[in-house]
Amino acid sequence: MHELAVTESILELANQAASENGASRVTEIFLTIGQLSSIVADSVQFYWDHISKGTPSEGAILHFERVPARLHCKDCGESYQLSEELLPCPACGSIALEIISGEELQIDHIEIMKEKDDTTG
C-alpha cells in the first residue's frame, strides 16, 4: 500500500515541475527503482492511472529502470551483484555486508510540454 504514497509524491513533483516551467502537461517520467526497494512498478502504474486524472500529468508515460543490488563484503572486500535473495558473501560466507546499490527510488527526469508546443503537430 505504500506505493500509493510514493505515487502521490511522484505526481506532486511532476505537477510542480510542470507548473514551475510553464508547461501545459507532463508527457513522460523516468524512474529508477532499486532491486532491494519494496516498490512494485505495476502498483505504481495502477495508482498513477487513477490519481493523475484531471492533472497536468494525466496520460504521462512512466518508465521504470530497475537497478540490481550490489553488495560489498566488509570482511574480504569482495563486491558482487545479488542474484535474487540476500545471501552471505559468495567468496567468504560472511554476513558483514554493505549495500552499494539497489535501494534507489528516484525520479531521473521529467519531460514536459510547454504551452507554445501545444499548437504544433
N, C-alpha and C. Protein backbone atom coordinates (compact mmCIF):
# COMPACT_ATOMS: atom_id res chain seq x y z
N MET A 1 0.82 -1.19 0.00
CA MET A 1 0.00 0.00 0.00
C MET A 1 0.86 1.26 0.00
N HIS A 2 2.13 1.15 0.37
CA HIS A 2 2.98 2.34 0.38
C HIS A 2 3.25 2.86 -1.03
N GLU A 3 2.95 2.05 -2.05
CA GLU A 3 3.11 2.53 -3.42
C GLU A 3 2.18 3.71 -3.69
N LEU A 4 1.03 3.76 -3.02
CA LEU A 4 0.12 4.89 -3.20
C LEU A 4 0.80 6.17 -2.75
N ALA A 5 1.41 6.17 -1.58
CA ALA A 5 2.10 7.37 -1.07
C ALA A 5 3.26 7.75 -1.98
N VAL A 6 4.00 6.77 -2.46
CA VAL A 6 5.11 7.03 -3.38
C VAL A 6 4.59 7.65 -4.67
N THR A 7 3.51 7.09 -5.20
CA THR A 7 2.93 7.59 -6.44
C THR A 7 2.39 8.99 -6.26
N GLU A 8 1.78 9.26 -5.11
CA GLU A 8 1.29 10.62 -4.84
C GLU A 8 2.45 11.62 -4.82
N SER A 9 3.58 11.21 -4.26
CA SER A 9 4.76 12.09 -4.23
C SER A 9 5.31 12.34 -5.64
N ILE A 10 5.35 11.29 -6.44
CA ILE A 10 5.81 11.44 -7.83
C ILE A 10 4.89 12.40 -8.58
N LEU A 11 3.60 12.23 -8.40
CA LEU A 11 2.62 13.10 -9.06
C LEU A 11 2.79 14.55 -8.62
N GLU A 12 2.96 14.75 -7.33
CA GLU A 12 3.15 16.11 -6.81
C GLU A 12 4.39 16.76 -7.42
N LEU A 13 5.50 16.02 -7.47
CA LEU A 13 6.74 16.56 -8.04
C LEU A 13 6.60 16.83 -9.54
N ALA A 14 5.93 15.93 -10.25
CA ALA A 14 5.75 16.12 -11.69
C ALA A 14 4.88 17.33 -11.98
N ASN A 15 3.78 17.47 -11.25
CA ASN A 15 2.90 18.61 -11.46
C ASN A 15 3.60 19.92 -11.07
N GLN A 16 4.41 19.87 -10.04
CA GLN A 16 5.18 21.05 -9.62
C GLN A 16 6.18 21.44 -10.71
N ALA A 17 6.85 20.45 -11.29
CA ALA A 17 7.81 20.72 -12.37
C ALA A 17 7.10 21.36 -13.56
N ALA A 18 5.92 20.86 -13.88
CA ALA A 18 5.15 21.43 -15.00
C ALA A 18 4.79 22.88 -14.69
N SER A 19 4.31 23.13 -13.51
CA SER A 19 3.90 24.48 -13.11
C SER A 19 5.08 25.45 -13.13
N GLU A 20 6.19 25.03 -12.54
CA GLU A 20 7.36 25.91 -12.45
C GLU A 20 7.97 26.22 -13.82
N ASN A 21 7.70 25.37 -14.81
CA ASN A 21 8.29 25.56 -16.13
C ASN A 21 7.28 26.01 -17.18
N GLY A 22 6.10 26.42 -16.73
CA GLY A 22 5.09 26.91 -17.65
C GLY A 22 4.61 25.85 -18.63
N ALA A 23 4.54 24.63 -18.19
CA ALA A 23 4.14 23.53 -19.06
C ALA A 23 2.65 23.25 -18.95
N SER A 24 2.08 22.86 -20.07
CA SER A 24 0.66 22.50 -20.06
C SER A 24 0.45 21.07 -19.59
N ARG A 25 1.49 20.25 -19.80
CA ARG A 25 1.34 18.88 -19.33
C ARG A 25 2.69 18.17 -19.21
N VAL A 26 2.66 17.09 -18.44
CA VAL A 26 3.81 16.21 -18.28
C VAL A 26 3.61 15.06 -19.26
N THR A 27 4.64 14.74 -20.03
CA THR A 27 4.48 13.69 -21.04
C THR A 27 5.13 12.37 -20.63
N GLU A 28 6.28 12.44 -19.95
CA GLU A 28 6.98 11.22 -19.55
C GLU A 28 7.73 11.45 -18.25
N ILE A 29 7.81 10.37 -17.46
CA ILE A 29 8.57 10.41 -16.21
C ILE A 29 9.45 9.17 -16.18
N PHE A 30 10.73 9.39 -15.93
CA PHE A 30 11.70 8.30 -15.89
C PHE A 30 12.11 8.05 -14.44
N LEU A 31 11.87 6.85 -13.97
CA LEU A 31 12.12 6.47 -12.58
C LEU A 31 13.18 5.38 -12.49
N THR A 32 13.98 5.43 -11.45
CA THR A 32 14.92 4.36 -11.14
C THR A 32 14.49 3.73 -9.83
N ILE A 33 14.34 2.41 -9.86
CA ILE A 33 13.91 1.67 -8.67
C ILE A 33 14.92 0.56 -8.41
N GLY A 34 15.48 0.56 -7.22
CA GLY A 34 16.45 -0.47 -6.85
C GLY A 34 15.80 -1.80 -6.55
N GLN A 35 16.54 -2.87 -6.81
CA GLN A 35 16.07 -4.24 -6.59
C GLN A 35 15.65 -4.47 -5.13
N LEU A 36 16.32 -3.82 -4.20
CA LEU A 36 16.03 -4.03 -2.79
C LEU A 36 14.92 -3.13 -2.26
N SER A 37 14.50 -2.17 -3.06
CA SER A 37 13.37 -1.35 -2.61
C SER A 37 12.13 -2.22 -2.72
N SER A 38 11.17 -1.92 -1.91
CA SER A 38 9.96 -2.76 -1.92
C SER A 38 8.89 -2.20 -2.85
N ILE A 39 9.30 -1.36 -3.79
CA ILE A 39 8.36 -0.73 -4.71
C ILE A 39 8.05 -1.67 -5.88
N VAL A 40 6.77 -1.86 -6.13
CA VAL A 40 6.31 -2.70 -7.24
C VAL A 40 5.85 -1.77 -8.36
N ALA A 41 6.54 -1.83 -9.49
CA ALA A 41 6.25 -0.93 -10.61
C ALA A 41 4.80 -1.03 -11.07
N ASP A 42 4.25 -2.22 -11.14
CA ASP A 42 2.86 -2.39 -11.57
C ASP A 42 1.88 -1.67 -10.64
N SER A 43 2.19 -1.66 -9.35
CA SER A 43 1.33 -0.96 -8.39
C SER A 43 1.42 0.55 -8.59
N VAL A 44 2.64 1.05 -8.80
CA VAL A 44 2.82 2.48 -9.05
C VAL A 44 2.04 2.87 -10.30
N GLN A 45 2.14 2.06 -11.35
CA GLN A 45 1.41 2.36 -12.60
C GLN A 45 -0.09 2.34 -12.37
N PHE A 46 -0.57 1.38 -11.61
CA PHE A 46 -2.01 1.28 -11.31
C PHE A 46 -2.49 2.55 -10.61
N TYR A 47 -1.80 2.94 -9.55
CA TYR A 47 -2.19 4.14 -8.83
C TYR A 47 -2.07 5.38 -9.71
N TRP A 48 -1.00 5.43 -10.50
CA TRP A 48 -0.77 6.59 -11.38
C TRP A 48 -1.96 6.80 -12.31
N ASP A 49 -2.42 5.73 -12.90
CA ASP A 49 -3.52 5.83 -13.86
C ASP A 49 -4.77 6.43 -13.23
N HIS A 50 -4.93 6.23 -11.93
CA HIS A 50 -6.12 6.75 -11.25
C HIS A 50 -5.93 8.15 -10.67
N ILE A 51 -4.81 8.38 -9.99
CA ILE A 51 -4.67 9.65 -9.27
C ILE A 51 -4.18 10.79 -10.16
N SER A 52 -3.67 10.48 -11.33
CA SER A 52 -3.20 11.56 -12.21
C SER A 52 -4.32 12.16 -13.05
N LYS A 53 -5.49 11.54 -13.04
CA LYS A 53 -6.61 12.05 -13.83
C LYS A 53 -6.96 13.48 -13.43
N GLY A 54 -7.13 14.32 -14.44
CA GLY A 54 -7.50 15.70 -14.21
C GLY A 54 -6.34 16.60 -13.82
N THR A 55 -5.12 16.08 -13.89
CA THR A 55 -3.93 16.87 -13.56
C THR A 55 -3.09 17.05 -14.83
N PRO A 56 -2.09 17.92 -14.78
CA PRO A 56 -1.20 18.07 -15.94
C PRO A 56 -0.44 16.77 -16.28
N SER A 57 -0.40 15.85 -15.34
CA SER A 57 0.34 14.60 -15.56
C SER A 57 -0.53 13.47 -16.11
N GLU A 58 -1.81 13.72 -16.29
CA GLU A 58 -2.68 12.68 -16.82
C GLU A 58 -2.16 12.22 -18.18
N GLY A 59 -2.04 10.91 -18.34
CA GLY A 59 -1.58 10.34 -19.60
C GLY A 59 -0.07 10.26 -19.74
N ALA A 60 0.67 10.79 -18.77
CA ALA A 60 2.13 10.72 -18.84
C ALA A 60 2.58 9.26 -18.78
N ILE A 61 3.59 8.96 -19.54
CA ILE A 61 4.13 7.60 -19.57
C ILE A 61 5.20 7.46 -18.50
N LEU A 62 5.05 6.44 -17.67
CA LEU A 62 6.05 6.15 -16.65
C LEU A 62 7.04 5.13 -17.19
N HIS A 63 8.31 5.42 -17.06
CA HIS A 63 9.38 4.49 -17.47
C HIS A 63 10.09 4.04 -16.20
N PHE A 64 10.22 2.74 -16.04
CA PHE A 64 10.85 2.18 -14.85
C PHE A 64 12.17 1.52 -15.23
N GLU A 65 13.23 1.93 -14.56
CA GLU A 65 14.51 1.26 -14.72
C GLU A 65 14.84 0.59 -13.40
N ARG A 66 15.06 -0.72 -13.44
CA ARG A 66 15.41 -1.48 -12.25
C ARG A 66 16.93 -1.52 -12.11
N VAL A 67 17.41 -1.20 -10.92
CA VAL A 67 18.84 -1.24 -10.64
C VAL A 67 19.12 -2.48 -9.80
N PRO A 68 20.03 -3.33 -10.27
CA PRO A 68 20.34 -4.53 -9.48
C PRO A 68 21.04 -4.17 -8.18
N ALA A 69 20.89 -5.03 -7.21
CA ALA A 69 21.56 -4.83 -5.93
C ALA A 69 23.02 -5.26 -6.04
N ARG A 70 23.90 -4.40 -5.52
CA ARG A 70 25.33 -4.71 -5.45
C ARG A 70 25.74 -4.60 -4.00
N LEU A 71 26.48 -5.59 -3.56
CA LEU A 71 26.92 -5.65 -2.17
C LEU A 71 28.43 -5.71 -2.09
N HIS A 72 28.95 -5.27 -0.96
CA HIS A 72 30.39 -5.30 -0.70
C HIS A 72 30.59 -6.00 0.64
N CYS A 73 31.48 -6.99 0.66
CA CYS A 73 31.77 -7.72 1.89
C CYS A 73 32.81 -6.94 2.69
N LYS A 74 32.48 -6.62 3.92
CA LYS A 74 33.39 -5.87 4.78
C LYS A 74 34.55 -6.73 5.28
N ASP A 75 34.39 -8.05 5.22
CA ASP A 75 35.45 -8.93 5.71
C ASP A 75 36.52 -9.23 4.67
N CYS A 76 36.10 -9.58 3.45
CA CYS A 76 37.10 -9.98 2.45
C CYS A 76 37.25 -8.97 1.31
N GLY A 77 36.35 -7.98 1.23
CA GLY A 77 36.46 -6.96 0.20
C GLY A 77 35.79 -7.31 -1.11
N GLU A 78 35.19 -8.47 -1.21
CA GLU A 78 34.50 -8.90 -2.43
C GLU A 78 33.28 -8.02 -2.69
N SER A 79 33.11 -7.59 -3.93
CA SER A 79 31.90 -6.89 -4.36
C SER A 79 31.19 -7.77 -5.37
N TYR A 80 29.88 -7.85 -5.24
CA TYR A 80 29.14 -8.74 -6.13
C TYR A 80 27.71 -8.26 -6.30
N GLN A 81 27.11 -8.72 -7.39
CA GLN A 81 25.72 -8.41 -7.69
C GLN A 81 24.84 -9.50 -7.11
N LEU A 82 23.81 -9.08 -6.44
CA LEU A 82 22.86 -10.01 -5.83
C LEU A 82 21.98 -10.59 -6.92
N SER A 83 21.84 -11.91 -6.93
CA SER A 83 21.03 -12.53 -7.99
C SER A 83 19.55 -12.46 -7.65
N GLU A 84 19.15 -13.01 -6.53
CA GLU A 84 17.73 -12.99 -6.18
C GLU A 84 17.52 -12.60 -4.72
N GLU A 85 17.84 -13.48 -3.82
CA GLU A 85 17.62 -13.19 -2.41
C GLU A 85 18.94 -12.85 -1.73
N LEU A 86 18.83 -12.21 -0.58
CA LEU A 86 20.01 -11.81 0.17
C LEU A 86 20.72 -13.04 0.71
N LEU A 87 21.96 -13.21 0.29
CA LEU A 87 22.78 -14.35 0.69
C LEU A 87 24.11 -13.85 1.24
N PRO A 88 24.80 -14.67 2.04
CA PRO A 88 26.14 -14.30 2.51
C PRO A 88 27.11 -14.12 1.33
N CYS A 89 28.25 -13.52 1.63
CA CYS A 89 29.28 -13.29 0.61
C CYS A 89 29.64 -14.60 -0.08
N PRO A 90 29.62 -14.63 -1.41
CA PRO A 90 29.94 -15.86 -2.13
C PRO A 90 31.43 -16.23 -2.02
N ALA A 91 32.27 -15.27 -1.67
CA ALA A 91 33.71 -15.54 -1.58
C ALA A 91 34.11 -16.11 -0.23
N CYS A 92 33.53 -15.56 0.86
CA CYS A 92 33.98 -16.00 2.19
C CYS A 92 32.85 -16.42 3.12
N GLY A 93 31.61 -16.23 2.72
CA GLY A 93 30.47 -16.65 3.55
C GLY A 93 30.09 -15.66 4.64
N SER A 94 30.74 -14.52 4.70
CA SER A 94 30.46 -13.52 5.72
C SER A 94 29.09 -12.87 5.50
N ILE A 95 28.51 -12.44 6.61
CA ILE A 95 27.26 -11.68 6.51
C ILE A 95 27.50 -10.20 6.82
N ALA A 96 28.76 -9.81 6.94
CA ALA A 96 29.11 -8.41 7.17
C ALA A 96 29.13 -7.70 5.81
N LEU A 97 27.95 -7.33 5.36
CA LEU A 97 27.79 -6.80 4.01
C LEU A 97 27.34 -5.35 4.03
N GLU A 98 27.79 -4.61 3.04
CA GLU A 98 27.38 -3.24 2.85
C GLU A 98 26.69 -3.12 1.50
N ILE A 99 25.55 -2.47 1.47
CA ILE A 99 24.81 -2.30 0.22
C ILE A 99 25.44 -1.14 -0.55
N ILE A 100 25.85 -1.42 -1.77
CA ILE A 100 26.43 -0.40 -2.65
C ILE A 100 25.34 0.25 -3.49
N SER A 101 24.45 -0.58 -4.02
CA SER A 101 23.32 -0.06 -4.80
C SER A 101 22.17 -1.04 -4.72
N GLY A 102 20.99 -0.56 -5.08
CA GLY A 102 19.82 -1.43 -5.09
C GLY A 102 18.69 -0.94 -4.22
N GLU A 103 18.92 0.14 -3.46
CA GLU A 103 17.86 0.70 -2.62
C GLU A 103 17.25 1.97 -3.21
N GLU A 104 17.67 2.33 -4.41
CA GLU A 104 17.25 3.58 -5.03
C GLU A 104 15.74 3.64 -5.29
N LEU A 105 15.25 4.83 -5.19
CA LEU A 105 13.91 5.19 -5.67
C LEU A 105 14.01 6.67 -6.00
N GLN A 106 14.11 6.97 -7.27
CA GLN A 106 14.31 8.36 -7.66
C GLN A 106 13.67 8.67 -9.01
N ILE A 107 13.35 9.93 -9.16
CA ILE A 107 12.91 10.43 -10.46
C ILE A 107 14.17 10.89 -11.18
N ASP A 108 14.46 10.28 -12.31
CA ASP A 108 15.64 10.67 -13.07
C ASP A 108 15.39 11.94 -13.86
N HIS A 109 14.29 11.97 -14.58
CA HIS A 109 13.89 13.21 -15.24
C HIS A 109 12.42 13.16 -15.65
N ILE A 110 11.91 14.36 -15.87
CA ILE A 110 10.51 14.54 -16.22
C ILE A 110 10.47 15.31 -17.53
N GLU A 111 9.72 14.81 -18.49
CA GLU A 111 9.56 15.52 -19.75
C GLU A 111 8.20 16.20 -19.76
N ILE A 112 8.23 17.45 -20.20
CA ILE A 112 7.02 18.27 -20.19
C ILE A 112 6.75 18.85 -21.57
N MET A 113 5.53 19.34 -21.75
CA MET A 113 5.16 20.03 -22.98
C MET A 113 4.74 21.43 -22.57
N LYS A 114 5.46 22.40 -23.08
CA LYS A 114 5.15 23.80 -22.75
C LYS A 114 3.97 24.27 -23.60
N GLU A 115 3.34 25.35 -23.12
CA GLU A 115 2.16 25.90 -23.77
C GLU A 115 2.37 26.14 -25.26
N LYS A 116 3.48 26.77 -25.63
CA LYS A 116 3.69 27.10 -27.03
C LYS A 116 3.83 25.86 -27.90
N ASP A 117 4.20 24.71 -27.30
CA ASP A 117 4.34 23.45 -28.04
C ASP A 117 2.98 22.85 -28.39
N ASP A 118 1.91 23.28 -27.69
CA ASP A 118 0.58 22.72 -27.89
C ASP A 118 0.03 23.00 -29.29
N THR A 119 0.48 24.06 -29.94
CA THR A 119 -0.06 24.43 -31.25
C THR A 119 0.67 23.74 -32.40
N THR A 120 1.76 23.05 -32.09
CA THR A 120 2.50 22.34 -33.14
C THR A 120 1.95 20.94 -33.30
N GLY A 121 2.16 20.38 -34.43
CA GLY A 121 1.83 19.00 -34.51
C GLY A 121 1.05 18.61 -35.63
